[in-house]
Amino acid sequence: MTHPTVSAHTPLILIHGWGGSSHAWERVLPELLTAGFSTPISAVDLPGSPIGMVSDDATIASAADHVIAVAEQTGTPAVVVGHSLGGQVSLLVHARRPDLVAAEVVVDPAYGADESEAASMRTLAAAIRSAGPRALVDFFESGFGVLGSQEREDILADLQATHADVLASYLESEYLAADAIGFLEATTAVARRRVRPLLAFHSSERGAGIERALLPPTGSVVRRWDGHGHFLHLEDPARFALETKSWTTDL
């Protein structure tokens, strides 16, 4: 299969994580431009996000459909970038429509989980439906790493603005639904369908090791950022942009 060329003018599609919105990329966008990327750069809002479309189908599959629709409008294959839940979405887009993907970048993607976690996922989904977004505040804060105070406030504001049913539905779609790809066996099966190079940023050696074991295509790079939390692209957006630009230039 012929790989599309990646250049400074290749479109970027940025996909936010669980309980987030396109606002999550606001501090990254100028750094991408400074690093040498040219427009268009599209930060999408997934179905059910605080500033996205109202949806009763907040699932990974519907999110992938939405990103595919955006990618079809770019006119040329894009670099698809996904954080956390967005990494599941970018993986599914890549697997389903490689013709729309020039390359993929994931940031602490929410896949490759151990199936022993299924019970805790069910418990968490029930807690979210009962208590709403506040059931996730401690969980989110545990991943903040060295984030600044404004970034922390912005992330929690998006979380609090996301409907409880949307949060629970995405969690169930990631790990508990029949077509979920979040646990390692299902992740592996879908990842085998990748054909474009992958740049993966991970904050843990476990995540980086799982990514390497997925055997991404030639040209792929897996990087671990020591001392960072789950939102590493927001902890150091300049480094994220420069490393992404350097990698796409090498391609």
C-alpha atoms as a PDB file:
ATOM      1  CA  MET A   1       0.000   0.000   0.000  1.00  0.00           C
ATOM      2  CA  THR A   2       1.354   3.437  -0.932  1.00  0.00           C
ATOM      3  CA  HIS A   3       1.663   5.723   2.061  1.00  0.00           C
ATOM      4  CA  PRO A   4       0.499   9.335   1.692  1.00  0.00           C
ATOM      5  CA  THR A   5       3.134  12.025   2.078  1.00  0.00           C
ATOM      6  CA  VAL A   6       3.297  13.898   5.384  1.00  0.00           C
ATOM      7  CA  SER A   7       4.339  17.549   5.136  1.00  0.00           C
ATOM      8  CA  ALA A   8       3.968  20.835   6.988  1.00  0.00           C
ATOM      9  CA  HIS A   9       0.682  21.278   5.123  1.00  0.00           C
ATOM     10  CA  THR A  10      -0.809  17.892   6.026  1.00  0.00           C
ATOM     11  CA  PRO A  11      -4.045  18.515   7.964  1.00  0.00           C
ATOM     12  CA  LEU A  12      -4.108  17.707  11.676  1.00  0.00           C
ATOM     13  CA  ILE A  13      -7.229  16.433  13.422  1.00  0.00           C
ATOM     14  CA  LEU A  14      -7.078  16.686  17.225  1.00  0.00           C
ATOM     15  CA  ILE A  15      -9.371  14.460  19.322  1.00  0.00           C
ATOM     16  CA  HIS A  16      -9.965  15.241  22.999  1.00  0.00           C
ATOM     17  CA  GLY A  17     -10.238  12.744  25.824  1.00  0.00           C
ATOM     18  CA  TRP A  18     -13.008  11.571  28.144  1.00  0.00           C
ATOM     19  CA  GLY A  19     -15.022  14.399  29.661  1.00  0.00           C
ATOM     20  CA  GLY A  20     -13.207  16.938  27.507  1.00  0.00           C
ATOM     21  CA  SER A  21     -13.842  19.195  24.536  1.00  0.00           C
ATOM     22  CA  SER A  22     -11.944  20.936  21.769  1.00  0.00           C
ATOM     23  CA  HIS A  23     -10.936  23.540  24.381  1.00  0.00           C
ATOM     24  CA  ALA A  24      -8.439  20.962  25.658  1.00  0.00           C
ATOM     25  CA  TRP A  25      -6.190  21.774  22.682  1.00  0.00           C
ATOM     26  CA  GLU A  26      -6.195  25.572  23.028  1.00  0.00           C
ATOM     27  CA  ARG A  27      -2.722  25.707  24.587  1.00  0.00           C
ATOM     28  CA  VAL A  28      -1.356  23.169  22.126  1.00  0.00           C
ATOM     29  CA  LEU A  29      -2.570  24.833  18.924  1.00  0.00           C
ATOM     30  CA  PRO A  30      -0.201  27.837  18.970  1.00  0.00           C
ATOM     31  CA  GLU A  31       2.717  25.555  19.797  1.00  0.00           C
ATOM     32  CA  LEU A  32       1.917  23.392  16.764  1.00  0.00           C
ATOM     33  CA  LEU A  33       1.991  26.484  14.574  1.00  0.00           C
ATOM     34  CA  THR A  34       5.243  27.669  16.138  1.00  0.00           C
ATOM     35  CA  ALA A  35       6.759  24.230  15.572  1.00  0.00           C
ATOM     36  CA  GLY A  36       6.073  24.565  11.855  1.00  0.00           C
ATOM     37  CA  PHE A  37       2.702  22.988  11.171  1.00  0.00           C
ATOM     38  CA  SER A  38       0.517  24.965   8.798  1.00  0.00           C
ATOM     39  CA  THR A  39      -3.250  25.066   8.757  1.00  0.00           C
ATOM     40  CA  PRO A  40      -5.681  23.395   8.606  1.00  0.00           C
ATOM     41  CA  ILE A  41      -5.682  22.092  12.162  1.00  0.00           C
ATOM     42  CA  SER A  42      -9.077  20.881  13.356  1.00  0.00           C
ATOM     43  CA  ALA A  43      -9.852  20.272  17.035  1.00  0.00           C
ATOM     44  CA  VAL A  44     -13.064  18.259  17.040  1.00  0.00           C
ATOM     45  CA  ASP A  45     -15.823  18.039  19.624  1.00  0.00           C
ATOM     46  CA  LEU A  46     -17.007  14.482  20.033  1.00  0.00           C
ATOM     47  CA  PRO A  47     -20.732  13.684  20.358  1.00  0.00           C
ATOM     48  CA  GLY A  48     -21.960  14.675  23.799  1.00  0.00           C
ATOM     49  CA  SER A  49     -19.012  16.923  24.665  1.00  0.00           C
ATOM     50  CA  PRO A  50     -19.842  20.202  26.441  1.00  0.00           C
ATOM     51  CA  ILE A  51     -19.648  22.238  23.221  1.00  0.00           C
ATOM     52  CA  GLY A  52     -20.314  19.414  20.772  1.00  0.00           C
ATOM     53  CA  MET A  53     -23.494  18.022  19.285  1.00  0.00           C
ATOM     54  CA  VAL A  54     -26.234  16.760  21.576  1.00  0.00           C
ATOM     55  CA  SER A  55     -26.207  12.985  21.254  1.00  0.00           C
ATOM     56  CA  ASP A  56     -27.884   9.944  22.744  1.00  0.00           C
ATOM     57  CA  ASP A  57     -25.168   7.794  21.148  1.00  0.00           C
ATOM     58  CA  ALA A  58     -22.021   8.734  23.060  1.00  0.00           C
ATOM     59  CA  THR A  59     -19.937   5.758  21.986  1.00  0.00           C
ATOM     60  CA  ILE A  60     -16.498   5.129  20.527  1.00  0.00           C
ATOM     61  CA  ALA A  61     -18.112   4.015  17.271  1.00  0.00           C
ATOM     62  CA  SER A  62     -20.193   7.195  16.938  1.00  0.00           C
ATOM     63  CA  ALA A  63     -17.159   9.309  17.852  1.00  0.00           C
ATOM     64  CA  ALA A  64     -15.151   7.561  15.115  1.00  0.00           C
ATOM     65  CA  ASP A  65     -17.978   8.226  12.653  1.00  0.00           C
ATOM     66  CA  HIS A  66     -17.801  11.908  13.566  1.00  0.00           C
ATOM     67  CA  VAL A  67     -14.028  12.089  13.081  1.00  0.00           C
ATOM     68  CA  ILE A  68     -14.287  10.219   9.783  1.00  0.00           C
ATOM     69  CA  ALA A  69     -16.816  12.800   8.580  1.00  0.00           C
ATOM     70  CA  VAL A  70     -14.367  15.582   9.508  1.00  0.00           C
ATOM     71  CA  ALA A  71     -11.491  13.762   7.784  1.00  0.00           C
ATOM     72  CA  GLU A  72     -13.533  13.292   4.623  1.00  0.00           C
ATOM     73  CA  GLN A  73     -13.827  17.073   4.374  1.00  0.00           C
ATOM     74  CA  THR A  74     -10.062  17.756   4.516  1.00  0.00           C
ATOM     75  CA  GLY A  75      -9.483  16.706   0.916  1.00  0.00           C
ATOM     76  CA  THR A  76      -6.243  14.891   1.768  1.00  0.00           C
ATOM     77  CA  PRO A  77      -5.194  12.292   4.373  1.00  0.00           C
ATOM     78  CA  ALA A  78      -4.632  13.816   7.816  1.00  0.00           C
ATOM     79  CA  VAL A  79      -2.448  13.259  10.835  1.00  0.00           C
ATOM     80  CA  VAL A  80      -4.997  12.077  13.414  1.00  0.00           C
ATOM     81  CA  VAL A  81      -4.091  12.898  17.025  1.00  0.00           C
ATOM     82  CA  GLY A  82      -5.958  11.393  19.993  1.00  0.00           C
ATOM     83  CA  HIS A  83      -5.586  11.841  23.747  1.00  0.00           C
ATOM     84  CA  SER A  84      -6.841   9.164  26.171  1.00  0.00           C
ATOM     85  CA  LEU A  85     -10.334   8.158  24.975  1.00  0.00           C
ATOM     86  CA  GLY A  86      -9.426  10.074  21.825  1.00  0.00           C
ATOM     87  CA  GLY A  87      -6.659   7.520  21.296  1.00  0.00           C
ATOM     88  CA  GLN A  88      -9.278   4.773  21.090  1.00  0.00           C
ATOM     89  CA  VAL A  89     -11.162   6.891  18.583  1.00  0.00           C
ATOM     90  CA  SER A  90      -8.075   7.561  16.448  1.00  0.00           C
ATOM     91  CA  LEU A  91      -7.196   3.842  16.506  1.00  0.00           C
ATOM     92  CA  LEU A  92     -10.670   2.923  15.280  1.00  0.00           C
ATOM     93  CA  VAL A  93     -10.592   5.623  12.583  1.00  0.00           C
ATOM     94  CA  HIS A  94      -7.174   4.364  11.456  1.00  0.00           C
ATOM     95  CA  ALA A  95      -8.384   0.755  11.327  1.00  0.00           C
ATOM     96  CA  ARG A  96     -11.624   1.546   9.539  1.00  0.00           C
ATOM     97  CA  ARG A  97     -10.467   4.234   7.108  1.00  0.00           C
ATOM     98  CA  PRO A  98      -6.696   4.137   6.559  1.00  0.00           C
ATOM     99  CA  ASP A  99      -7.240   6.027   3.307  1.00  0.00           C
ATOM    100  CA  LEU A 100      -8.064   9.102   5.421  1.00  0.00           C
ATOM    101  CA  VAL A 101      -5.020   8.768   7.704  1.00  0.00           C
ATOM    102  CA  ALA A 102      -1.507   9.931   6.776  1.00  0.00           C
ATOM    103  CA  ALA A 103      -0.185   9.136  10.271  1.00  0.00           C
ATOM    104  CA  GLU A 104      -1.514   8.710  13.802  1.00  0.00           C
ATOM    105  CA  VAL A 105      -0.401  10.243  17.109  1.00  0.00           C
ATOM    106  CA  VAL A 106      -1.695   9.009  20.465  1.00  0.00           C
ATOM    107  CA  VAL A 107      -1.187  10.570  23.893  1.00  0.00           C
ATOM    108  CA  ASP A 108      -1.639   8.175  26.834  1.00  0.00           C
ATOM    109  CA  PRO A 109      -4.347   6.309  24.892  1.00  0.00           C
ATOM    110  CA  ALA A 110      -7.104   4.534  26.802  1.00  0.00           C
ATOM    111  CA  TYR A 111      -6.521   1.060  25.413  1.00  0.00           C
ATOM    112  CA  GLY A 112      -4.646  -2.109  26.318  1.00  0.00           C
ATOM    113  CA  ALA A 113      -6.302  -2.420  29.732  1.00  0.00           C
ATOM    114  CA  ASP A 114      -6.293  -5.638  31.754  1.00  0.00           C
ATOM    115  CA  GLU A 115      -9.651  -7.443  31.680  1.00  0.00           C
ATOM    116  CA  SER A 116      -9.448  -7.865  35.461  1.00  0.00           C
ATOM    117  CA  GLU A 117     -10.481  -4.197  35.602  1.00  0.00           C
ATOM    118  CA  ALA A 118     -13.938  -4.886  34.149  1.00  0.00           C
ATOM    119  CA  ALA A 119     -15.676  -5.077  37.529  1.00  0.00           C
ATOM    120  CA  SER A 120     -14.219  -1.747  38.650  1.00  0.00           C
ATOM    121  CA  MET A 121     -15.325  -0.196  35.342  1.00  0.00           C
ATOM    122  CA  ARG A 122     -18.909  -1.315  35.980  1.00  0.00           C
ATOM    123  CA  THR A 123     -18.782   0.097  39.491  1.00  0.00           C
ATOM    124  CA  LEU A 124     -17.420   3.400  38.213  1.00  0.00           C
ATOM    125  CA  ALA A 125     -20.075   3.660  35.492  1.00  0.00           C
ATOM    126  CA  ALA A 126     -22.794   3.135  38.103  1.00  0.00           C
ATOM    127  CA  ALA A 127     -21.233   5.783  40.352  1.00  0.00           C
ATOM    128  CA  ILE A 128     -21.174   8.278  37.492  1.00  0.00           C
ATOM    129  CA  ARG A 129     -24.836   7.715  36.685  1.00  0.00           C
ATOM    130  CA  SER A 130     -25.666   8.145  40.375  1.00  0.00           C
ATOM    131  CA  ALA A 131     -23.412  11.033  41.425  1.00  0.00           C
ATOM    132  CA  GLY A 132     -22.635  12.690  38.091  1.00  0.00           C
ATOM    133  CA  PRO A 133     -19.268  14.174  37.083  1.00  0.00           C
ATOM    134  CA  ARG A 134     -18.181  14.721  40.686  1.00  0.00           C
ATOM    135  CA  ALA A 135     -17.661  10.954  40.919  1.00  0.00           C
ATOM    136  CA  LEU A 136     -14.656  11.443  38.618  1.00  0.00           C
ATOM    137  CA  VAL A 137     -12.960  14.478  40.160  1.00  0.00           C
ATOM    138  CA  ASP A 138     -10.470  12.482  42.246  1.00  0.00           C
ATOM    139  CA  PHE A 139      -9.775  10.170  39.298  1.00  0.00           C
ATOM    140  CA  PHE A 140      -9.014  13.087  36.989  1.00  0.00           C
ATOM    141  CA  GLU A 141      -6.914  14.893  39.584  1.00  0.00           C
ATOM    142  CA  SER A 142      -4.775  11.780  40.041  1.00  0.00           C
ATOM    143  CA  GLY A 143      -3.590  12.203  36.442  1.00  0.00           C
ATOM    144  CA  PHE A 144      -2.752  15.897  36.577  1.00  0.00           C
ATOM    145  CA  GLY A 145       1.000  15.442  37.017  1.00  0.00           C
ATOM    146  CA  VAL A 146       2.754  18.827  36.777  1.00  0.00           C
ATOM    147  CA  LEU A 147      -0.168  20.684  35.183  1.00  0.00           C
ATOM    148  CA  GLY A 148      -0.558  24.340  36.045  1.00  0.00           C
ATOM    149  CA  SER A 149      -3.532  25.587  38.033  1.00  0.00           C
ATOM    150  CA  GLN A 150      -5.349  27.068  35.022  1.00  0.00           C
ATOM    151  CA  GLU A 151      -5.058  23.855  33.035  1.00  0.00           C
ATOM    152  CA  ARG A 152      -6.429  21.910  36.005  1.00  0.00           C
ATOM    153  CA  GLU A 153      -9.380  24.280  36.305  1.00  0.00           C
ATOM    154  CA  ASP A 154     -10.122  24.059  32.583  1.00  0.00           C
ATOM    155  CA  ILE A 155     -10.096  20.250  32.576  1.00  0.00           C
ATOM    156  CA  LEU A 156     -12.413  20.053  35.578  1.00  0.00           C
ATOM    157  CA  ALA A 157     -14.717  22.679  34.052  1.00  0.00           C
ATOM    158  CA  ASP A 158     -15.122  20.535  30.929  1.00  0.00           C
ATOM    159  CA  LEU A 159     -15.708  17.474  33.098  1.00  0.00           C
ATOM    160  CA  GLN A 160     -18.380  19.190  35.187  1.00  0.00           C
ATOM    161  CA  ALA A 161     -20.097  20.422  32.006  1.00  0.00           C
ATOM    162  CA  THR A 162     -20.346  16.908  30.538  1.00  0.00           C
ATOM    163  CA  HIS A 163     -23.620  15.073  31.202  1.00  0.00           C
ATOM    164  CA  ALA A 164     -23.364  12.053  33.484  1.00  0.00           C
ATOM    165  CA  ASP A 165     -25.020   9.783  30.916  1.00  0.00           C
ATOM    166  CA  VAL A 166     -22.431  10.808  28.321  1.00  0.00           C
ATOM    167  CA  LEU A 167     -19.546  10.058  30.692  1.00  0.00           C
ATOM    168  CA  ALA A 168     -20.967   6.675  31.665  1.00  0.00           C
ATOM    169  CA  SER A 169     -21.881   5.771  28.094  1.00  0.00           C
ATOM    170  CA  TYR A 170     -18.363   6.453  26.824  1.00  0.00           C
ATOM    171  CA  LEU A 171     -16.830   4.423  29.650  1.00  0.00           C
ATOM    172  CA  GLU A 172     -19.106   1.482  28.896  1.00  0.00           C
ATOM    173  CA  SER A 173     -18.391   1.797  25.185  1.00  0.00           C
ATOM    174  CA  GLU A 174     -14.641   1.811  25.813  1.00  0.00           C
ATOM    175  CA  TYR A 175     -14.541  -1.314  27.961  1.00  0.00           C
ATOM    176  CA  LEU A 176     -17.863  -3.051  28.617  1.00  0.00           C
ATOM    177  CA  ALA A 177     -19.845  -3.104  25.367  1.00  0.00           C
ATOM    178  CA  ALA A 178     -19.742  -6.068  23.013  1.00  0.00           C
ATOM    179  CA  ASP A 179     -17.698  -4.084  20.480  1.00  0.00           C
ATOM    180  CA  ALA A 180     -15.404  -2.413  23.051  1.00  0.00           C
ATOM    181  CA  ILE A 181     -11.706  -2.236  22.125  1.00  0.00           C
ATOM    182  CA  GLY A 182     -10.267  -1.016  25.431  1.00  0.00           C
ATOM    183  CA  PHE A 183      -9.095  -4.346  26.836  1.00  0.00           C
ATOM    184  CA  LEU A 184      -5.836  -5.734  25.512  1.00  0.00           C
ATOM    185  CA  GLU A 185      -7.131  -8.645  23.432  1.00  0.00           C
ATOM    186  CA  ALA A 186      -9.577  -6.444  21.530  1.00  0.00           C
ATOM    187  CA  THR A 187      -7.034  -3.615  21.289  1.00  0.00           C
ATOM    188  CA  THR A 188      -4.533  -5.999  19.712  1.00  0.00           C
ATOM    189  CA  ALA A 189      -6.997  -7.217  17.117  1.00  0.00           C
ATOM    190  CA  VAL A 190      -7.858  -3.692  15.992  1.00  0.00           C
ATOM    191  CA  ALA A 191      -4.258  -2.433  16.167  1.00  0.00           C
ATOM    192  CA  ARG A 192      -3.202  -5.115  13.687  1.00  0.00           C
ATOM    193  CA  ARG A 193      -5.205  -3.204  11.080  1.00  0.00           C
ATOM    194  CA  ARG A 194      -3.018  -0.114  11.374  1.00  0.00           C
ATOM    195  CA  VAL A 195      -1.045   0.571   8.183  1.00  0.00           C
ATOM    196  CA  ARG A 196       0.184   4.137   8.779  1.00  0.00           C
ATOM    197  CA  PRO A 197       3.057   5.134  11.092  1.00  0.00           C
ATOM    198  CA  LEU A 198       2.245   5.834  14.731  1.00  0.00           C
ATOM    199  CA  LEU A 199       3.815   8.234  17.230  1.00  0.00           C
ATOM    200  CA  ALA A 200       2.811   7.237  20.771  1.00  0.00           C
ATOM    201  CA  PHE A 201       3.444   9.320  23.894  1.00  0.00           C
ATOM    202  CA  HIS A 202       3.081   7.483  27.203  1.00  0.00           C
ATOM    203  CA  SER A 203       3.495   8.551  30.811  1.00  0.00           C
ATOM    204  CA  SER A 204       4.106   5.000  32.111  1.00  0.00           C
ATOM    205  CA  GLU A 205       6.387   2.150  31.119  1.00  0.00           C
ATOM    206  CA  ARG A 206       3.400  -0.213  31.235  1.00  0.00           C
ATOM    207  CA  GLY A 207       1.609   1.810  28.576  1.00  0.00           C
ATOM    208  CA  ALA A 208       4.734   2.196  26.468  1.00  0.00           C
ATOM    209  CA  GLY A 209       5.449  -1.526  26.715  1.00  0.00           C
ATOM    210  CA  ILE A 210       1.939  -2.436  25.605  1.00  0.00           C
ATOM    211  CA  GLU A 211       2.263  -0.041  22.671  1.00  0.00           C
ATOM    212  CA  ARG A 212       5.539  -1.625  21.550  1.00  0.00           C
ATOM    213  CA  ALA A 213       3.984  -5.094  21.817  1.00  0.00           C
ATOM    214  CA  LEU A 214       1.191  -4.006  19.476  1.00  0.00           C
ATOM    215  CA  LEU A 215       3.882  -3.872  16.769  1.00  0.00           C
ATOM    216  CA  PRO A 216       2.867  -0.630  15.055  1.00  0.00           C
ATOM    217  CA  PRO A 217       3.852  -0.181  11.377  1.00  0.00           C
ATOM    218  CA  THR A 218       7.316   0.746  10.103  1.00  0.00           C
ATOM    219  CA  GLY A 219       8.235   4.333  10.954  1.00  0.00           C
ATOM    220  CA  SER A 220       6.402   4.220  14.275  1.00  0.00           C
ATOM    221  CA  VAL A 221       7.957   5.585  17.470  1.00  0.00           C
ATOM    222  CA  VAL A 222       6.950   4.992  21.109  1.00  0.00           C
ATOM    223  CA  ARG A 223       8.091   7.581  23.645  1.00  0.00           C
ATOM    224  CA  ARG A 224       7.788   7.609  27.401  1.00  0.00           C
ATOM    225  CA  TRP A 225       7.825  10.929  29.234  1.00  0.00           C
ATOM    226  CA  ASP A 226       9.125  10.313  32.735  1.00  0.00           C
ATOM    227  CA  GLY A 227       7.669  12.412  35.539  1.00  0.00           C
ATOM    228  CA  HIS A 228       4.520  13.381  33.661  1.00  0.00           C
ATOM    229  CA  GLY A 229       0.848  12.661  34.234  1.00  0.00           C
ATOM    230  CA  HIS A 230      -1.975  11.643  31.945  1.00  0.00           C
ATOM    231  CA  PHE A 231      -2.245  15.097  30.313  1.00  0.00           C
ATOM    232  CA  LEU A 232       1.371  15.276  29.217  1.00  0.00           C
ATOM    233  CA  HIS A 233       0.590  17.260  26.050  1.00  0.00           C
ATOM    234  CA  LEU A 234      -0.776  20.016  28.303  1.00  0.00           C
ATOM    235  CA  GLU A 235       2.026  19.746  30.833  1.00  0.00           C
ATOM    236  CA  ASP A 236       4.560  20.612  28.123  1.00  0.00           C
ATOM    237  CA  PRO A 237       2.745  21.628  24.921  1.00  0.00           C
ATOM    238  CA  ALA A 238       5.896  23.066  23.305  1.00  0.00           C
ATOM    239  CA  ARG A 239       7.770  19.782  23.704  1.00  0.00           C
ATOM    240  CA  PHE A 240       4.774  17.837  22.430  1.00  0.00           C
ATOM    241  CA  ALA A 241       4.502  20.035  19.344  1.00  0.00           C
ATOM    242  CA  LEU A 242       8.230  19.953  18.584  1.00  0.00           C
ATOM    243  CA  GLU A 243       8.526  16.195  18.970  1.00  0.00           C
ATOM    244  CA  THR A 244       5.453  15.645  16.805  1.00  0.00           C
ATOM    245  CA  LYS A 245       6.767  17.996  14.135  1.00  0.00           C
ATOM    246  CA  SER A 246      10.216  16.359  14.185  1.00  0.00           C
ATOM    247  CA  TRP A 247       8.670  12.918  13.767  1.00  0.00           C
ATOM    248  CA  THR A 248       6.432  13.958  10.858  1.00  0.00           C
ATOM    249  CA  THR A 249       9.442  15.617   9.197  1.00  0.00           C
ATOM    250  CA  ASP A 250      11.384  12.347   9.516  1.00  0.00           C
ATOM    251  CA  LEU A 251       8.509  10.538   7.828  1.00  0.00           C
END
